[in-house]
Amino acid sequence: MAKSKSPKPSGESVESDRLTAALRAFEEGDVVRGRRLAEEVIAQGSGGDASAVKKAAERMGLDPATSPELVAQALVTRSMPPPRAFLFGLAVLAVMGLLLVLASARYAAI
């Protein structure tokens, strides 16, 4: 089967496509891919397709006049794991370690 020979998109549409793809990946549950694509949009630093940026901003609940970099930054911020989960895991690990030490001290004396 022959491959289609579509013209390469311009830089602006590639960025807006990245922003749209990042938002789509984030909504589908692929947070890592969405975050990476959003970081690429931030690194590019140029304006994207206004209609795609407006749609992405509306889907995220932001002002439609927001720049693509701010929409991407909001996506990156939303995809960061909450520190509470890590603190809870650390607390559980500390309690389990304490119980192990107490159990070994009690049964070592017998």
Protein backbone atom coordinates (compact mmCIF):
# COMPACT_ATOMS: atom_id res chain seq x y z
CA MET A 1 0.00 0.00 0.00
CA ALA A 2 1.36 3.40 -0.96
CA LYS A 3 2.00 6.03 1.65
CA SER A 4 0.14 9.29 1.32
CA LYS A 5 2.31 12.23 0.46
CA SER A 6 0.76 15.05 2.43
CA PRO A 7 2.65 18.32 2.69
CA LYS A 8 4.42 19.02 5.94
CA PRO A 9 2.49 21.38 8.18
CA SER A 10 3.87 24.79 9.03
CA GLY A 11 5.51 25.48 12.38
CA GLU A 12 2.44 27.17 13.81
CA SER A 13 0.10 24.28 13.03
CA VAL A 14 2.63 21.77 14.37
CA GLU A 15 2.68 23.60 17.69
CA SER A 16 -1.08 23.84 17.92
CA ASP A 17 -1.27 20.18 16.92
CA ARG A 18 1.15 19.41 19.75
CA LEU A 19 -0.98 21.39 22.17
CA THR A 20 -4.13 19.63 20.98
CA ALA A 21 -2.35 16.26 21.11
CA ALA A 22 -1.08 17.02 24.61
CA LEU A 23 -4.55 17.86 25.83
CA ARG A 24 -6.03 14.80 24.13
CA ALA A 25 -3.39 12.54 25.69
CA PHE A 26 -3.99 14.09 29.11
CA GLU A 27 -7.75 13.56 28.81
CA GLU A 28 -7.24 9.95 27.67
CA GLY A 29 -5.14 9.23 30.75
CA ASP A 30 -1.67 9.29 29.21
CA VAL A 31 -0.33 11.95 31.55
CA VAL A 32 3.35 11.39 30.75
CA ARG A 33 2.89 11.86 27.00
CA GLY A 34 0.64 14.88 27.55
CA ARG A 35 3.18 16.46 29.87
CA ARG A 36 6.05 15.88 27.41
CA LEU A 37 4.11 17.38 24.51
CA ALA A 38 3.12 20.38 26.63
CA GLU A 39 6.76 20.91 27.62
CA GLU A 40 7.68 20.87 23.91
CA VAL A 41 5.10 23.61 23.28
CA ILE A 42 6.60 25.66 26.11
CA ALA A 43 10.13 25.15 24.75
CA GLN A 44 9.10 26.31 21.25
CA GLY A 45 7.83 29.61 22.66
CA SER A 46 6.04 30.77 19.51
CA GLY A 47 2.36 31.44 18.91
CA GLY A 48 0.22 28.65 17.55
CA ASP A 49 -3.02 28.39 15.63
CA ALA A 50 -5.44 30.72 17.43
CA SER A 51 -8.52 28.54 16.95
CA ALA A 52 -6.78 25.40 18.28
CA VAL A 53 -5.39 27.30 21.26
CA LYS A 54 -8.82 28.79 21.96
CA LYS A 55 -10.45 25.33 21.88
CA ALA A 56 -7.75 23.87 24.14
CA ALA A 57 -8.11 26.75 26.61
CA GLU A 58 -11.88 26.35 26.71
CA ARG A 59 -11.58 22.59 27.26
CA MET A 60 -9.26 23.24 30.22
CA GLY A 61 -11.51 25.93 31.67
CA LEU A 62 -9.13 28.81 30.93
CA ASP A 63 -9.72 32.18 29.29
CA PRO A 64 -9.95 31.67 25.49
CA ALA A 65 -7.51 34.56 24.95
CA THR A 66 -4.74 32.70 26.81
CA SER A 67 -1.44 32.17 24.98
CA PRO A 68 -0.43 28.63 23.97
CA GLU A 69 2.49 28.68 26.40
CA LEU A 70 0.17 29.43 29.33
CA VAL A 71 -2.24 26.69 28.27
CA ALA A 72 0.69 24.25 28.06
CA GLN A 73 2.01 25.44 31.45
CA ALA A 74 -1.43 24.85 32.99
CA LEU A 75 -1.40 21.33 31.55
CA VAL A 76 2.07 20.67 32.99
CA THR A 77 0.95 21.98 36.38
CA ARG A 78 -2.14 19.78 36.37
CA SER A 79 -0.12 16.69 35.52
CA MET A 80 2.25 16.95 38.49
CA PRO A 81 1.65 14.26 41.12
CA PRO A 82 0.41 15.57 44.45
CA PRO A 83 3.04 15.49 47.20
CA ARG A 84 0.45 14.13 49.65
CA ALA A 85 0.66 10.69 48.03
CA PHE A 86 4.44 10.59 48.44
CA LEU A 87 4.20 11.75 52.05
CA PHE A 88 1.59 9.09 52.79
CA GLY A 89 3.85 6.41 51.28
CA LEU A 90 6.79 7.65 53.32
CA ALA A 91 4.69 7.58 56.50
CA VAL A 92 3.57 4.01 55.78
CA LEU A 93 7.17 2.98 55.18
CA ALA A 94 8.26 4.57 58.47
CA VAL A 95 5.48 2.83 60.43
CA MET A 96 6.33 -0.53 58.87
CA GLY A 97 10.00 -0.01 59.74
CA LEU A 98 9.10 0.88 63.32
CA LEU A 99 6.91 -2.21 63.65
CA LEU A 100 9.71 -4.37 62.27
CA VAL A 101 12.20 -2.93 64.78
CA LEU A 102 9.76 -3.40 67.67
CA ALA A 103 8.99 -6.97 66.65
CA SER A 104 12.65 -7.89 66.28
CA ALA A 105 13.47 -6.31 69.68
CA ARG A 106 10.66 -8.18 71.39
CA TYR A 107 11.34 -11.60 69.90
CA ALA A 108 15.13 -11.31 70.04
CA ALA A 109 14.94 -11.14 73.83
CA ILE A 110 13.10 -14.47 74.12
